[in-house]
Amino acid sequence: MALKILKTKKQYQDALARFEQIFQTKAGTAESDEADVLALLIREYENKHFVIDAPTPIEAIRYRMEQQGLSNKDLAQILGYKSRVSDILRKTRKLSMGMIRKLHQELRIPLETLVKEY
C-alpha cells in the first residue's frame, strides 16, 4: 500500500483494512514499520473527521456519579448542600469555586471541564 495522507473515506477504510492485516507483525520488519505509519495516518484522519466534544460540567458530574454508583445524596455530602444538588443537576444553579474544588478533589473531574460554561 502506498502511504500518503488520508483524504477520503475510501482511503481511510483501505488504510484500516491494511492495518488490520499487519498490526501484529514482528517488530523491526517492513510491515511493522508500515503499521506504525498507518496508525499515525489513521489517527490524524480520525482526529480531523471524528471530533468528540468535551462534556459539559453537568454531563461530567452525572457520568462520574454513574461510574461510582453515587446518588444525589452522596453528591450532597461531597458538596455540603443537599438542597442545591437538584438545582445544579437541573442547571438552574451554577457551580461555585468551592463546589468545583470539591468535585475535582473527590470525583477527580478535570478542572478544565468543571469551569466551562453550560
PDB file of N, CA and C in Angstrom:
ATOM      1  N   MET A   1       0.851  -1.179   0.000  1.00  0.00           N
ATOM      2  CA  MET A   1       0.000   0.000   0.000  1.00  0.00           C
ATOM      3  C   MET A   1       0.893   1.238   0.000  1.00  0.00           C
ATOM      4  N   ALA A   2       0.578   2.174  -0.881  1.00  0.00           N
ATOM      5  CA  ALA A   2       1.318   3.438  -0.924  1.00  0.00           C
ATOM      6  C   ALA A   2       0.878   4.303   0.251  1.00  0.00           C
ATOM      7  N   LEU A   3       1.821   4.765   1.037  1.00  0.00           N
ATOM      8  CA  LEU A   3       1.497   5.550   2.219  1.00  0.00           C
ATOM      9  C   LEU A   3       1.425   7.027   1.867  1.00  0.00           C
ATOM     10  N   LYS A   4       0.287   7.641   2.158  1.00  0.00           N
ATOM     11  CA  LYS A   4       0.097   9.069   1.930  1.00  0.00           C
ATOM     12  C   LYS A   4      -1.017   9.558   2.848  1.00  0.00           C
ATOM     13  N   ILE A   5      -1.133  10.860   2.958  1.00  0.00           N
ATOM     14  CA  ILE A   5      -2.163  11.469   3.810  1.00  0.00           C
ATOM     15  C   ILE A   5      -3.537  10.972   3.359  1.00  0.00           C
ATOM     16  N   LEU A   6      -4.361  10.573   4.325  1.00  0.00           N
ATOM     17  CA  LEU A   6      -5.709  10.076   4.025  1.00  0.00           C
ATOM     18  C   LEU A   6      -6.657  11.258   3.854  1.00  0.00           C
ATOM     19  N   LYS A   7      -7.260  11.347   2.669  1.00  0.00           N
ATOM     20  CA  LYS A   7      -8.136  12.486   2.376  1.00  0.00           C
ATOM     21  C   LYS A   7      -9.585  12.087   2.155  1.00  0.00           C
ATOM     22  N   THR A   8      -9.832  10.827   1.848  1.00  0.00           N
ATOM     23  CA  THR A   8     -11.200  10.395   1.581  1.00  0.00           C
ATOM     24  C   THR A   8     -11.582   9.249   2.511  1.00  0.00           C
ATOM     25  N   LYS A   9     -12.873   9.033   2.600  1.00  0.00           N
ATOM     26  CA  LYS A   9     -13.377   7.932   3.423  1.00  0.00           C
ATOM     27  C   LYS A   9     -12.891   6.590   2.881  1.00  0.00           C
ATOM     28  N   LYS A  10     -12.825   6.457   1.571  1.00  0.00           N
ATOM     29  CA  LYS A  10     -12.338   5.221   0.942  1.00  0.00           C
ATOM     30  C   LYS A  10     -10.884   4.967   1.319  1.00  0.00           C
ATOM     31  N   GLN A  11     -10.043   5.988   1.256  1.00  0.00           N
ATOM     32  CA  GLN A  11      -8.644   5.833   1.644  1.00  0.00           C
ATOM     33  C   GLN A  11      -8.539   5.435   3.113  1.00  0.00           C
ATOM     34  N   TYR A  12      -9.362   6.040   3.936  1.00  0.00           N
ATOM     35  CA  TYR A  12      -9.394   5.715   5.370  1.00  0.00           C
ATOM     36  C   TYR A  12      -9.765   4.253   5.578  1.00  0.00           C
ATOM     37  N   GLN A  13     -10.819   3.794   4.919  1.00  0.00           N
ATOM     38  CA  GLN A  13     -11.265   2.409   5.060  1.00  0.00           C
ATOM     39  C   GLN A  13     -10.210   1.431   4.546  1.00  0.00           C
ATOM     40  N   ASP A  14      -9.562   1.781   3.452  1.00  0.00           N
ATOM     41  CA  ASP A  14      -8.489   0.930   2.925  1.00  0.00           C
ATOM     42  C   ASP A  14      -7.333   0.855   3.917  1.00  0.00           C
ATOM     43  N   ALA A  15      -6.990   1.989   4.510  1.00  0.00           N
ATOM     44  CA  ALA A  15      -5.903   2.020   5.491  1.00  0.00           C
ATOM     45  C   ALA A  15      -6.253   1.172   6.713  1.00  0.00           C
ATOM     46  N   LEU A  16      -7.498   1.260   7.169  1.00  0.00           N
ATOM     47  CA  LEU A  16      -7.938   0.437   8.297  1.00  0.00           C
ATOM     48  C   LEU A  16      -7.833  -1.050   7.967  1.00  0.00           C
ATOM     49  N   ALA A  17      -8.264  -1.410   6.775  1.00  0.00           N
ATOM     50  CA  ALA A  17      -8.219  -2.815   6.367  1.00  0.00           C
ATOM     51  C   ALA A  17      -6.773  -3.306   6.319  1.00  0.00           C
ATOM     52  N   ARG A  18      -5.895  -2.511   5.748  1.00  0.00           N
ATOM     53  CA  ARG A  18      -4.488  -2.902   5.663  1.00  0.00           C
ATOM     54  C   ARG A  18      -3.869  -2.981   7.060  1.00  0.00           C
ATOM     55  N   PHE A  19      -4.179  -2.016   7.907  1.00  0.00           N
ATOM     56  CA  PHE A  19      -3.652  -2.003   9.265  1.00  0.00           C
ATOM     57  C   PHE A  19      -4.085  -3.262  10.017  1.00  0.00           C
ATOM     58  N   GLU A  20      -5.333  -3.644   9.822  1.00  0.00           N
ATOM     59  CA  GLU A  20      -5.853  -4.845  10.486  1.00  0.00           C
ATOM     60  C   GLU A  20      -5.076  -6.092  10.054  1.00  0.00           C
ATOM     61  N   GLN A  21      -4.639  -6.123   8.800  1.00  0.00           N
ATOM     62  CA  GLN A  21      -3.883  -7.269   8.286  1.00  0.00           C
ATOM     63  C   GLN A  21      -2.484  -7.360   8.899  1.00  0.00           C
ATOM     64  N   ILE A  22      -1.862  -6.201   9.171  1.00  0.00           N
ATOM     65  CA  ILE A  22      -0.437  -6.210   9.517  1.00  0.00           C
ATOM     66  C   ILE A  22      -0.094  -5.739  10.930  1.00  0.00           C
ATOM     67  N   PHE A  23      -1.086  -5.368  11.727  1.00  0.00           N
ATOM     68  CA  PHE A  23      -0.757  -4.729  13.005  1.00  0.00           C
ATOM     69  C   PHE A  23      -0.051  -5.649  14.006  1.00  0.00           C
ATOM     70  N   GLN A  24      -0.086  -6.939  13.830  1.00  0.00           N
ATOM     71  CA  GLN A  24       0.581  -7.848  14.760  1.00  0.00           C
ATOM     72  C   GLN A  24       1.847  -8.467  14.182  1.00  0.00           C
ATOM     73  N   THR A  25       2.409  -7.817  13.192  1.00  0.00           N
ATOM     74  CA  THR A  25       3.639  -8.348  12.605  1.00  0.00           C
ATOM     75  C   THR A  25       4.812  -8.146  13.556  1.00  0.00           C
ATOM     76  N   LYS A  26       5.862  -8.892  13.305  1.00  0.00           N
ATOM     77  CA  LYS A  26       7.054  -8.851  14.155  1.00  0.00           C
ATOM     78  C   LYS A  26       7.735  -7.481  14.063  1.00  0.00           C
ATOM     79  N   ALA A  27       8.138  -6.947  15.209  1.00  0.00           N
ATOM     80  CA  ALA A  27       8.806  -5.644  15.258  1.00  0.00           C
ATOM     81  C   ALA A  27      10.086  -5.669  14.436  1.00  0.00           C
ATOM     82  N   GLY A  28      10.370  -4.530  13.789  1.00  0.00           N
ATOM     83  CA  GLY A  28      11.596  -4.406  13.008  1.00  0.00           C
ATOM     84  C   GLY A  28      11.448  -4.818  11.559  1.00  0.00           C
ATOM     85  N   THR A  29      10.281  -5.302  11.182  1.00  0.00           N
ATOM     86  CA  THR A  29      10.061  -5.696   9.794  1.00  0.00           C
ATOM     87  C   THR A  29       9.489  -4.514   9.012  1.00  0.00           C
ATOM     88  N   ALA A  30       9.502  -4.630   7.696  1.00  0.00           N
ATOM     89  CA  ALA A  30       8.944  -3.581   6.837  1.00  0.00           C
ATOM     90  C   ALA A  30       7.445  -3.412   7.116  1.00  0.00           C
ATOM     91  N   GLU A  31       6.754  -4.536   7.338  1.00  0.00           N
ATOM     92  CA  GLU A  31       5.317  -4.456   7.629  1.00  0.00           C
ATOM     93  C   GLU A  31       5.062  -3.794   8.983  1.00  0.00           C
ATOM     94  N   SER A  32       5.931  -4.011   9.933  1.00  0.00           N
ATOM     95  CA  SER A  32       5.799  -3.364  11.235  1.00  0.00           C
ATOM     96  C   SER A  32       5.958  -1.848  11.086  1.00  0.00           C
ATOM     97  N   ASP A  33       6.927  -1.434  10.282  1.00  0.00           N
ATOM     98  CA  ASP A  33       7.119  -0.005  10.024  1.00  0.00           C
ATOM     99  C   ASP A  33       5.908   0.579   9.296  1.00  0.00           C
ATOM    100  N   GLU A  34       5.373  -0.173   8.349  1.00  0.00           N
ATOM    101  CA  GLU A  34       4.182   0.261   7.625  1.00  0.00           C
ATOM    102  C   GLU A  34       3.000   0.419   8.592  1.00  0.00           C
ATOM    103  N   ALA A  35       2.849  -0.508   9.516  1.00  0.00           N
ATOM    104  CA  ALA A  35       1.766  -0.441  10.505  1.00  0.00           C
ATOM    105  C   ALA A  35       1.911   0.799  11.379  1.00  0.00           C
ATOM    106  N   ASP A  36       3.141   1.124  11.760  1.00  0.00           N
ATOM    107  CA  ASP A  36       3.378   2.322  12.572  1.00  0.00           C
ATOM    108  C   ASP A  36       2.944   3.587  11.838  1.00  0.00           C
ATOM    109  N   VAL A  37       3.322   3.685  10.572  1.00  0.00           N
ATOM    110  CA  VAL A  37       2.967   4.865   9.776  1.00  0.00           C
ATOM    111  C   VAL A  37       1.458   4.903   9.527  1.00  0.00           C
ATOM    112  N   LEU A  38       0.873   3.759   9.225  1.00  0.00           N
ATOM    113  CA  LEU A  38      -0.585   3.705   9.030  1.00  0.00           C
ATOM    114  C   LEU A  38      -1.331   4.150  10.281  1.00  0.00           C
ATOM    115  N   ALA A  39      -0.851   3.732  11.438  1.00  0.00           N
ATOM    116  CA  ALA A  39      -1.503   4.130  12.693  1.00  0.00           C
ATOM    117  C   ALA A  39      -1.511   5.644  12.831  1.00  0.00           C
ATOM    118  N   LEU A  40      -0.417   6.287  12.477  1.00  0.00           N
ATOM    119  CA  LEU A  40      -0.342   7.753  12.541  1.00  0.00           C
ATOM    120  C   LEU A  40      -1.293   8.405  11.540  1.00  0.00           C
ATOM    121  N   LEU A  41      -1.327   7.871  10.332  1.00  0.00           N
ATOM    122  CA  LEU A  41      -2.218   8.418   9.310  1.00  0.00           C
ATOM    123  C   LEU A  41      -3.686   8.238   9.693  1.00  0.00           C
ATOM    124  N   ILE A  42      -4.011   7.087  10.227  1.00  0.00           N
ATOM    125  CA  ILE A  42      -5.392   6.809  10.648  1.00  0.00           C
ATOM    126  C   ILE A  42      -5.787   7.729  11.796  1.00  0.00           C
ATOM    127  N   ARG A  43      -4.899   7.884  12.777  1.00  0.00           N
ATOM    128  CA  ARG A  43      -5.204   8.765  13.914  1.00  0.00           C
ATOM    129  C   ARG A  43      -5.418  10.198  13.446  1.00  0.00           C
ATOM    130  N   GLU A  44      -4.592  10.670  12.540  1.00  0.00           N
ATOM    131  CA  GLU A  44      -4.739  12.031  12.022  1.00  0.00           C
ATOM    132  C   GLU A  44      -6.085  12.207  11.325  1.00  0.00           C
ATOM    133  N   TYR A  45      -6.480  11.247  10.505  1.00  0.00           N
ATOM    134  CA  TYR A  45      -7.766  11.308   9.813  1.00  0.00           C
ATOM    135  C   TYR A  45      -8.911  11.313  10.827  1.00  0.00           C
ATOM    136  N   GLU A  46      -8.842  10.441  11.821  1.00  0.00           N
ATOM    137  CA  GLU A  46      -9.906  10.360  12.827  1.00  0.00           C
ATOM    138  C   GLU A  46      -9.990  11.633  13.660  1.00  0.00           C
ATOM    139  N   ASN A  47      -8.854  12.202  14.025  1.00  0.00           N
ATOM    140  CA  ASN A  47      -8.863  13.453  14.795  1.00  0.00           C
ATOM    141  C   ASN A  47      -9.505  14.588  14.011  1.00  0.00           C
ATOM    142  N   LYS A  48      -9.368  14.544  12.712  1.00  0.00           N
ATOM    143  CA  LYS A  48      -9.920  15.596  11.862  1.00  0.00           C
ATOM    144  C   LYS A  48     -11.404  15.382  11.562  1.00  0.00           C
ATOM    145  N   HIS A  49     -11.815  14.129  11.382  1.00  0.00           N
ATOM    146  CA  HIS A  49     -13.166  13.835  10.910  1.00  0.00           C
ATOM    147  C   HIS A  49     -14.127  13.282  11.962  1.00  0.00           C
ATOM    148  N   PHE A  50     -13.618  12.825  13.085  1.00  0.00           N
ATOM    149  CA  PHE A  50     -14.477  12.242  14.120  1.00  0.00           C
ATOM    150  C   PHE A  50     -14.239  12.950  15.447  1.00  0.00           C
ATOM    151  N   VAL A  51     -14.569  14.217  15.482  1.00  0.00           N
ATOM    152  CA  VAL A  51     -14.332  15.045  16.662  1.00  0.00           C
ATOM    153  C   VAL A  51     -15.386  14.729  17.730  1.00  0.00           C
ATOM    154  N   ILE A  52     -14.919  14.510  18.949  1.00  0.00           N
ATOM    155  CA  ILE A  52     -15.819  14.270  20.080  1.00  0.00           C
ATOM    156  C   ILE A  52     -15.725  15.478  21.000  1.00  0.00           C
ATOM    157  N   ASP A  53     -16.854  16.150  21.185  1.00  0.00           N
ATOM    158  CA  ASP A  53     -16.874  17.323  22.043  1.00  0.00           C
ATOM    159  C   ASP A  53     -16.696  16.933  23.507  1.00  0.00           C
ATOM    160  N   ALA A  54     -16.018  17.786  24.230  1.00  0.00           N
ATOM    161  CA  ALA A  54     -15.832  17.566  25.667  1.00  0.00           C
ATOM    162  C   ALA A  54     -17.180  17.723  26.369  1.00  0.00           C
ATOM    163  N   PRO A  55     -17.385  17.001  27.460  1.00  0.00           N
ATOM    164  CA  PRO A  55     -18.663  17.092  28.166  1.00  0.00           C
ATOM    165  C   PRO A  55     -18.816  18.424  28.887  1.00  0.00           C
ATOM    166  N   THR A  56     -20.064  18.792  29.142  1.00  0.00           N
ATOM    167  CA  THR A  56     -20.328  19.958  29.975  1.00  0.00           C
ATOM    168  C   THR A  56     -20.033  19.557  31.420  1.00  0.00           C
ATOM    169  N   PRO A  57     -19.928  20.524  32.329  1.00  0.00           N
ATOM    170  CA  PRO A  57     -19.699  20.170  33.735  1.00  0.00           C
ATOM    171  C   PRO A  57     -20.770  19.218  34.287  1.00  0.00           C
ATOM    172  N   ILE A  58     -22.014  19.457  33.954  1.00  0.00           N
ATOM    173  CA  ILE A  58     -23.105  18.628  34.490  1.00  0.00           C
ATOM    174  C   ILE A  58     -23.035  17.216  33.899  1.00  0.00           C
ATOM    175  N   GLU A  59     -22.734  17.103  32.601  1.00  0.00           N
ATOM    176  CA  GLU A  59     -22.577  15.781  31.996  1.00  0.00           C
ATOM    177  C   GLU A  59     -21.434  15.018  32.672  1.00  0.00           C
ATOM    178  N   ALA A  60     -20.348  15.711  32.965  1.00  0.00           N
ATOM    179  CA  ALA A  60     -19.204  15.072  33.619  1.00  0.00           C
ATOM    180  C   ALA A  60     -19.563  14.613  35.030  1.00  0.00           C
ATOM    181  N   ILE A  61     -20.301  15.430  35.752  1.00  0.00           N
ATOM    182  CA  ILE A  61     -20.720  15.072  37.114  1.00  0.00           C
ATOM    183  C   ILE A  61     -21.639  13.847  37.066  1.00  0.00           C
ATOM    184  N   ARG A  62     -22.633  13.891  36.186  1.00  0.00           N
ATOM    185  CA  ARG A  62     -23.565  12.755  36.067  1.00  0.00           C
ATOM    186  C   ARG A  62     -22.823  11.474  35.670  1.00  0.00           C
ATOM    187  N   TYR A  63     -21.899  11.588  34.751  1.00  0.00           N
ATOM    188  CA  TYR A  63     -21.132  10.423  34.305  1.00  0.00           C
ATOM    189  C   TYR A  63     -20.332   9.834  35.461  1.00  0.00           C
ATOM    190  N   ARG A  64     -19.645  10.708  36.204  1.00  0.00           N
ATOM    191  CA  ARG A  64     -18.824  10.228  37.323  1.00  0.00           C
ATOM    192  C   ARG A  64     -19.708   9.614  38.407  1.00  0.00           C
ATOM    193  N   MET A  65     -20.884  10.212  38.660  1.00  0.00           N
ATOM    194  CA  MET A  65     -21.807   9.650  39.635  1.00  0.00           C
ATOM    195  C   MET A  65     -22.244   8.243  39.210  1.00  0.00           C
ATOM    196  N   GLU A  66     -22.545   8.092  37.921  1.00  0.00           N
ATOM    197  CA  GLU A  66     -22.958   6.789  37.401  1.00  0.00           C
ATOM    198  C   GLU A  66     -21.820   5.777  37.521  1.00  0.00           C
ATOM    199  N   GLN A  67     -20.613   6.194  37.174  1.00  0.00           N
ATOM    200  CA  GLN A  67     -19.448   5.310  37.255  1.00  0.00           C
ATOM    201  C   GLN A  67     -19.227   4.790  38.666  1.00  0.00           C
ATOM    202  N   GLN A  68     -19.396   5.684  39.633  1.00  0.00           N
ATOM    203  CA  GLN A  68     -19.091   5.337  41.017  1.00  0.00           C
ATOM    204  C   GLN A  68     -20.320   4.900  41.806  1.00  0.00           C
ATOM    205  N   GLY A  69     -21.462   4.837  41.139  1.00  0.00           N
ATOM    206  CA  GLY A  69     -22.685   4.407  41.806  1.00  0.00           C
ATOM    207  C   GLY A  69     -23.153   5.381  42.879  1.00  0.00           C
ATOM    208  N   LEU A  70     -22.955   6.680  42.636  1.00  0.00           N
ATOM    209  CA  LEU A  70     -23.326   7.701  43.620  1.00  0.00           C
ATOM    210  C   LEU A  70     -24.747   8.202  43.393  1.00  0.00           C
ATOM    211  N   SER A  71     -25.420   8.531  44.470  1.00  0.00           N
ATOM    212  CA  SER A  71     -26.760   9.106  44.393  1.00  0.00           C
ATOM    213  C   SER A  71     -26.662  10.614  44.604  1.00  0.00           C
ATOM    214  N   ASN A  72     -27.787  11.292  44.455  1.00  0.00           N
ATOM    215  CA  ASN A  72     -27.818  12.730  44.736  1.00  0.00           C
ATOM    216  C   ASN A  72     -27.438  13.000  46.190  1.00  0.00           C
ATOM    217  N   LYS A  73     -27.828  12.099  47.066  1.00  0.00           N
ATOM    218  CA  LYS A  73     -27.497  12.238  48.486  1.00  0.00           C
ATOM    219  C   LYS A  73     -25.981  12.171  48.691  1.00  0.00           C
ATOM    220  N   ASP A  74     -25.322  11.256  47.978  1.00  0.00           N
ATOM    221  CA  ASP A  74     -23.863  11.159  48.058  1.00  0.00           C
ATOM    222  C   ASP A  74     -23.199  12.439  47.550  1.00  0.00           C
ATOM    223  N   LEU A  75     -23.741  12.967  46.470  1.00  0.00           N
ATOM    224  CA  LEU A  75     -23.197  14.216  45.925  1.00  0.00           C
ATOM    225  C   LEU A  75     -23.412  15.365  46.910  1.00  0.00           C
ATOM    226  N   ALA A  76     -24.544  15.359  47.601  1.00  0.00           N
ATOM    227  CA  ALA A  76     -24.815  16.390  48.600  1.00  0.00           C
ATOM    228  C   ALA A  76     -23.794  16.328  49.738  1.00  0.00           C
ATOM    229  N   GLN A  77     -23.366  15.128  50.108  1.00  0.00           N
ATOM    230  CA  GLN A  77     -22.349  15.003  51.150  1.00  0.00           C
ATOM    231  C   GLN A  77     -21.011  15.567  50.678  1.00  0.00           C
ATOM    232  N   ILE A  78     -20.704  15.399  49.415  1.00  0.00           N
ATOM    233  CA  ILE A  78     -19.458  15.935  48.865  1.00  0.00           C
ATOM    234  C   ILE A  78     -19.512  17.459  48.825  1.00  0.00           C
ATOM    235  N   LEU A  79     -20.634  17.988  48.333  1.00  0.00           N
ATOM    236  CA  LEU A  79     -20.758  19.430  48.171  1.00  0.00           C
ATOM    237  C   LEU A  79     -21.151  20.142  49.458  1.00  0.00           C
ATOM    238  N   GLY A  80     -21.819  19.410  50.353  1.00  0.00           N
ATOM    239  CA  GLY A  80     -22.257  20.022  51.595  1.00  0.00           C
ATOM    240  C   GLY A  80     -23.573  20.769  51.483  1.00  0.00           C
ATOM    241  N   TYR A  81     -24.249  20.639  50.346  1.00  0.00           N
ATOM    242  CA  TYR A  81     -25.507  21.358  50.116  1.00  0.00           C
ATOM    243  C   TYR A  81     -26.542  20.405  49.547  1.00  0.00           C
ATOM    244  N   LYS A  82     -27.371  19.834  50.415  1.00  0.00           N
ATOM    245  CA  LYS A  82     -28.389  18.895  49.957  1.00  0.00           C
ATOM    246  C   LYS A  82     -29.393  19.573  49.031  1.00  0.00           C
ATOM    247  N   SER A  83     -29.811  20.760  49.383  1.00  0.00           N
ATOM    248  CA  SER A  83     -30.842  21.446  48.602  1.00  0.00           C
ATOM    249  C   SER A  83     -30.331  21.924  47.247  1.00  0.00           C
ATOM    250  N   ARG A  84     -29.037  22.102  47.110  1.00  0.00           N
ATOM    251  CA  ARG A  84     -28.501  22.658  45.868  1.00  0.00           C
ATOM    252  C   ARG A  84     -28.184  21.609  44.810  1.00  0.00           C
ATOM    253  N   VAL A  85     -28.064  20.372  45.197  1.00  0.00           N
ATOM    254  CA  VAL A  85     -27.696  19.321  44.248  1.00  0.00           C
ATOM    255  C   VAL A  85     -28.703  19.240  43.107  1.00  0.00           C
ATOM    256  N   SER A  86     -29.986  19.210  43.432  1.00  0.00           N
ATOM    257  CA  SER A  86     -31.015  19.144  42.393  1.00  0.00           C
ATOM    258  C   SER A  86     -30.946  20.353  41.484  1.00  0.00           C
ATOM    259  N   ASP A  87     -30.741  21.530  42.065  1.00  0.00           N
ATOM    260  CA  ASP A  87     -30.644  22.753  41.265  1.00  0.00           C
ATOM    261  C   ASP A  87     -29.442  22.699  40.323  1.00  0.00           C
ATOM    262  N   ILE A  88     -28.341  22.177  40.812  1.00  0.00           N
ATOM    263  CA  ILE A  88     -27.133  22.070  39.985  1.00  0.00           C
ATOM    264  C   ILE A  88     -27.370  21.101  38.833  1.00  0.00           C
ATOM    265  N   LEU A  89     -27.934  19.940  39.126  1.00  0.00           N
ATOM    266  CA  LEU A  89     -28.157  18.935  38.093  1.00  0.00           C
ATOM    267  C   LEU A  89     -29.228  19.352  37.092  1.00  0.00           C
ATOM    268  N   ARG A  90     -30.142  20.228  37.500  1.00  0.00           N
ATOM    269  CA  ARG A  90     -31.151  20.773  36.578  1.00  0.00           C
ATOM    270  C   ARG A  90     -30.631  22.004  35.844  1.00  0.00           C
ATOM    271  N   LYS A  91     -29.422  22.407  36.163  1.00  0.00           N
ATOM    272  CA  LYS A  91     -28.748  23.554  35.541  1.00  0.00           C
ATOM    273  C   LYS A  91     -29.412  24.882  35.884  1.00  0.00           C
ATOM    274  N   THR A  92     -30.055  24.949  37.052  1.00  0.00           N
ATOM    275  CA  THR A  92     -30.646  26.216  37.489  1.00  0.00           C
ATOM    276  C   THR A  92     -29.744  26.938  38.480  1.00  0.00           C
ATOM    277  N   ARG A  93     -28.680  26.294  38.891  1.00  0.00           N
ATOM    278  CA  ARG A  93     -27.692  26.902  39.790  1.00  0.00           C
ATOM    279  C   ARG A  93     -26.308  26.613  39.234  1.00  0.00           C
ATOM    280  N   LYS A  94     -25.483  27.642  39.215  1.00  0.00           N
ATOM    281  CA  LYS A  94     -24.095  27.493  38.738  1.00  0.00           C
ATOM    282  C   LYS A  94     -23.238  26.904  39.848  1.00  0.00           C
ATOM    283  N   LEU A  95     -22.162  26.267  39.439  1.00  0.00           N
ATOM    284  CA  LEU A  95     -21.188  25.745  40.405  1.00  0.00           C
ATOM    285  C   LEU A  95     -20.349  26.893  40.953  1.00  0.00           C
ATOM    286  N   SER A  96     -20.148  26.901  42.246  1.00  0.00           N
ATOM    287  CA  SER A  96     -19.257  27.891  42.854  1.00  0.00           C
ATOM    288  C   SER A  96     -17.824  27.361  42.798  1.00  0.00           C
ATOM    289  N   MET A  97     -16.868  28.224  43.058  1.00  0.00           N
ATOM    290  CA  MET A  97     -15.472  27.787  43.060  1.00  0.00           C
ATOM    291  C   MET A  97     -15.241  26.709  44.115  1.00  0.00           C
ATOM    292  N   GLY A  98     -15.893  26.857  45.257  1.00  0.00           N
ATOM    293  CA  GLY A  98     -15.757  25.839  46.306  1.00  0.00           C
ATOM    294  C   GLY A  98     -16.290  24.486  45.858  1.00  0.00           C
ATOM    295  N   MET A  99     -17.430  24.496  45.169  1.00  0.00           N
ATOM    296  CA  MET A  99     -18.007  23.252  44.657  1.00  0.00           C
ATOM    297  C   MET A  99     -17.092  22.636  43.610  1.00  0.00           C
ATOM    298  N   ILE A 100     -16.548  23.470  42.748  1.00  0.00           N
ATOM    299  CA  ILE A 100     -15.645  22.990  41.696  1.00  0.00           C
ATOM    300  C   ILE A 100     -14.437  22.305  42.323  1.00  0.00           C
ATOM    301  N   ARG A 101     -13.873  22.930  43.354  1.00  0.00           N
ATOM    302  CA  ARG A 101     -12.712  22.331  44.033  1.00  0.00           C
ATOM    303  C   ARG A 101     -13.064  20.973  44.637  1.00  0.00           C
ATOM    304  N   LYS A 102     -14.215  20.912  45.319  1.00  0.00           N
ATOM    305  CA  LYS A 102     -14.627  19.658  45.951  1.00  0.00           C
ATOM    306  C   LYS A 102     -14.885  18.557  44.922  1.00  0.00           C
ATOM    307  N   LEU A 103     -15.543  18.922  43.830  1.00  0.00           N
ATOM    308  CA  LEU A 103     -15.825  17.933  42.790  1.00  0.00           C
ATOM    309  C   LEU A 103     -14.531  17.433  42.157  1.00  0.00           C
ATOM    310  N   HIS A 104     -13.605  18.334  41.964  1.00  0.00           N
ATOM    311  CA  HIS A 104     -12.313  17.951  41.402  1.00  0.00           C
ATOM    312  C   HIS A 104     -11.565  17.014  42.353  1.00  0.00           C
ATOM    313  N   GLN A 105     -11.541  17.352  43.628  1.00  0.00           N
ATOM    314  CA  GLN A 105     -10.812  16.549  44.605  1.00  0.00           C
ATOM    315  C   GLN A 105     -11.468  15.200  44.860  1.00  0.00           C
ATOM    316  N   GLU A 106     -12.771  15.198  45.025  1.00  0.00           N
ATOM    317  CA  GLU A 106     -13.482  13.973  45.412  1.00  0.00           C
ATOM    318  C   GLU A 106     -13.813  13.058  44.229  1.00  0.00           C
ATOM    319  N   LEU A 107     -14.220  13.649  43.103  1.00  0.00           N
ATOM    320  CA  LEU A 107     -14.639  12.837  41.967  1.00  0.00           C
ATOM    321  C   LEU A 107     -13.593  12.781  40.857  1.00  0.00           C
ATOM    322  N   ARG A 108     -12.513  13.540  41.033  1.00  0.00           N
ATOM    323  CA  ARG A 108     -11.418  13.560  40.050  1.00  0.00           C
ATOM    324  C   ARG A 108     -11.887  13.993  38.660  1.00  0.00           C
ATOM    325  N   ILE A 109     -12.789  14.966  38.629  1.00  0.00           N
ATOM    326  CA  ILE A 109     -13.217  15.551  37.363  1.00  0.00           C
ATOM    327  C   ILE A 109     -12.235  16.672  37.043  1.00  0.00           C
ATOM    328  N   PRO A 110     -11.698  16.711  35.832  1.00  0.00           N
ATOM    329  CA  PRO A 110     -10.721  17.748  35.499  1.00  0.00           C
ATOM    330  C   PRO A 110     -11.273  19.165  35.702  1.00  0.00           C
ATOM    331  N   LEU A 111     -10.440  20.037  36.233  1.00  0.00           N
ATOM    332  CA  LEU A 111     -10.863  21.423  36.466  1.00  0.00           C
ATOM    333  C   LEU A 111     -11.320  22.094  35.195  1.00  0.00           C
ATOM    334  N   GLU A 112     -10.605  21.833  34.071  1.00  0.00           N
ATOM    335  CA  GLU A 112     -10.980  22.499  32.838  1.00  0.00           C
ATOM    336  C   GLU A 112     -12.377  22.114  32.369  1.00  0.00           C
ATOM    337  N   THR A 113     -12.859  20.951  32.765  1.00  0.00           N
ATOM    338  CA  THR A 113     -14.222  20.552  32.446  1.00  0.00           C
ATOM    339  C   THR A 113     -15.220  21.253  33.358  1.00  0.00           C
ATOM    340  N   LEU A 114     -14.890  21.352  34.635  1.00  0.00           N
ATOM    341  CA  LEU A 114     -15.822  21.930  35.603  1.00  0.00           C
ATOM    342  C   LEU A 114     -16.005  23.438  35.459  1.00  0.00           C
ATOM    343  N   VAL A 115     -15.026  24.132  34.928  1.00  0.00           N
ATOM    344  CA  VAL A 115     -15.142  25.601  34.825  1.00  0.00           C
ATOM    345  C   VAL A 115     -15.764  26.065  33.526  1.00  0.00           C
ATOM    346  N   LYS A 116     -16.107  25.132  32.630  1.00  0.00           N
ATOM    347  CA  LYS A 116     -16.736  25.508  31.369  1.00  0.00           C
ATOM    348  C   LYS A 116     -18.144  26.046  31.614  1.00  0.00           C
ATOM    349  N   GLU A 117     -18.575  26.940  30.718  1.00  0.00           N
ATOM    350  CA  GLU A 117     -19.944  27.447  30.774  1.00  0.00           C
ATOM    351  C   GLU A 117     -20.901  26.347  30.305  1.00  0.00           C
ATOM    352  N   TYR A 118     -22.098  26.348  30.865  1.00  0.00           N
ATOM    353  CA  TYR A 118     -23.115  25.389  30.432  1.00  0.00           C
ATOM    354  C   TYR A 118     -24.460  26.038  30.391  1.00  0.00           C
TER     355      TYR A 118
END
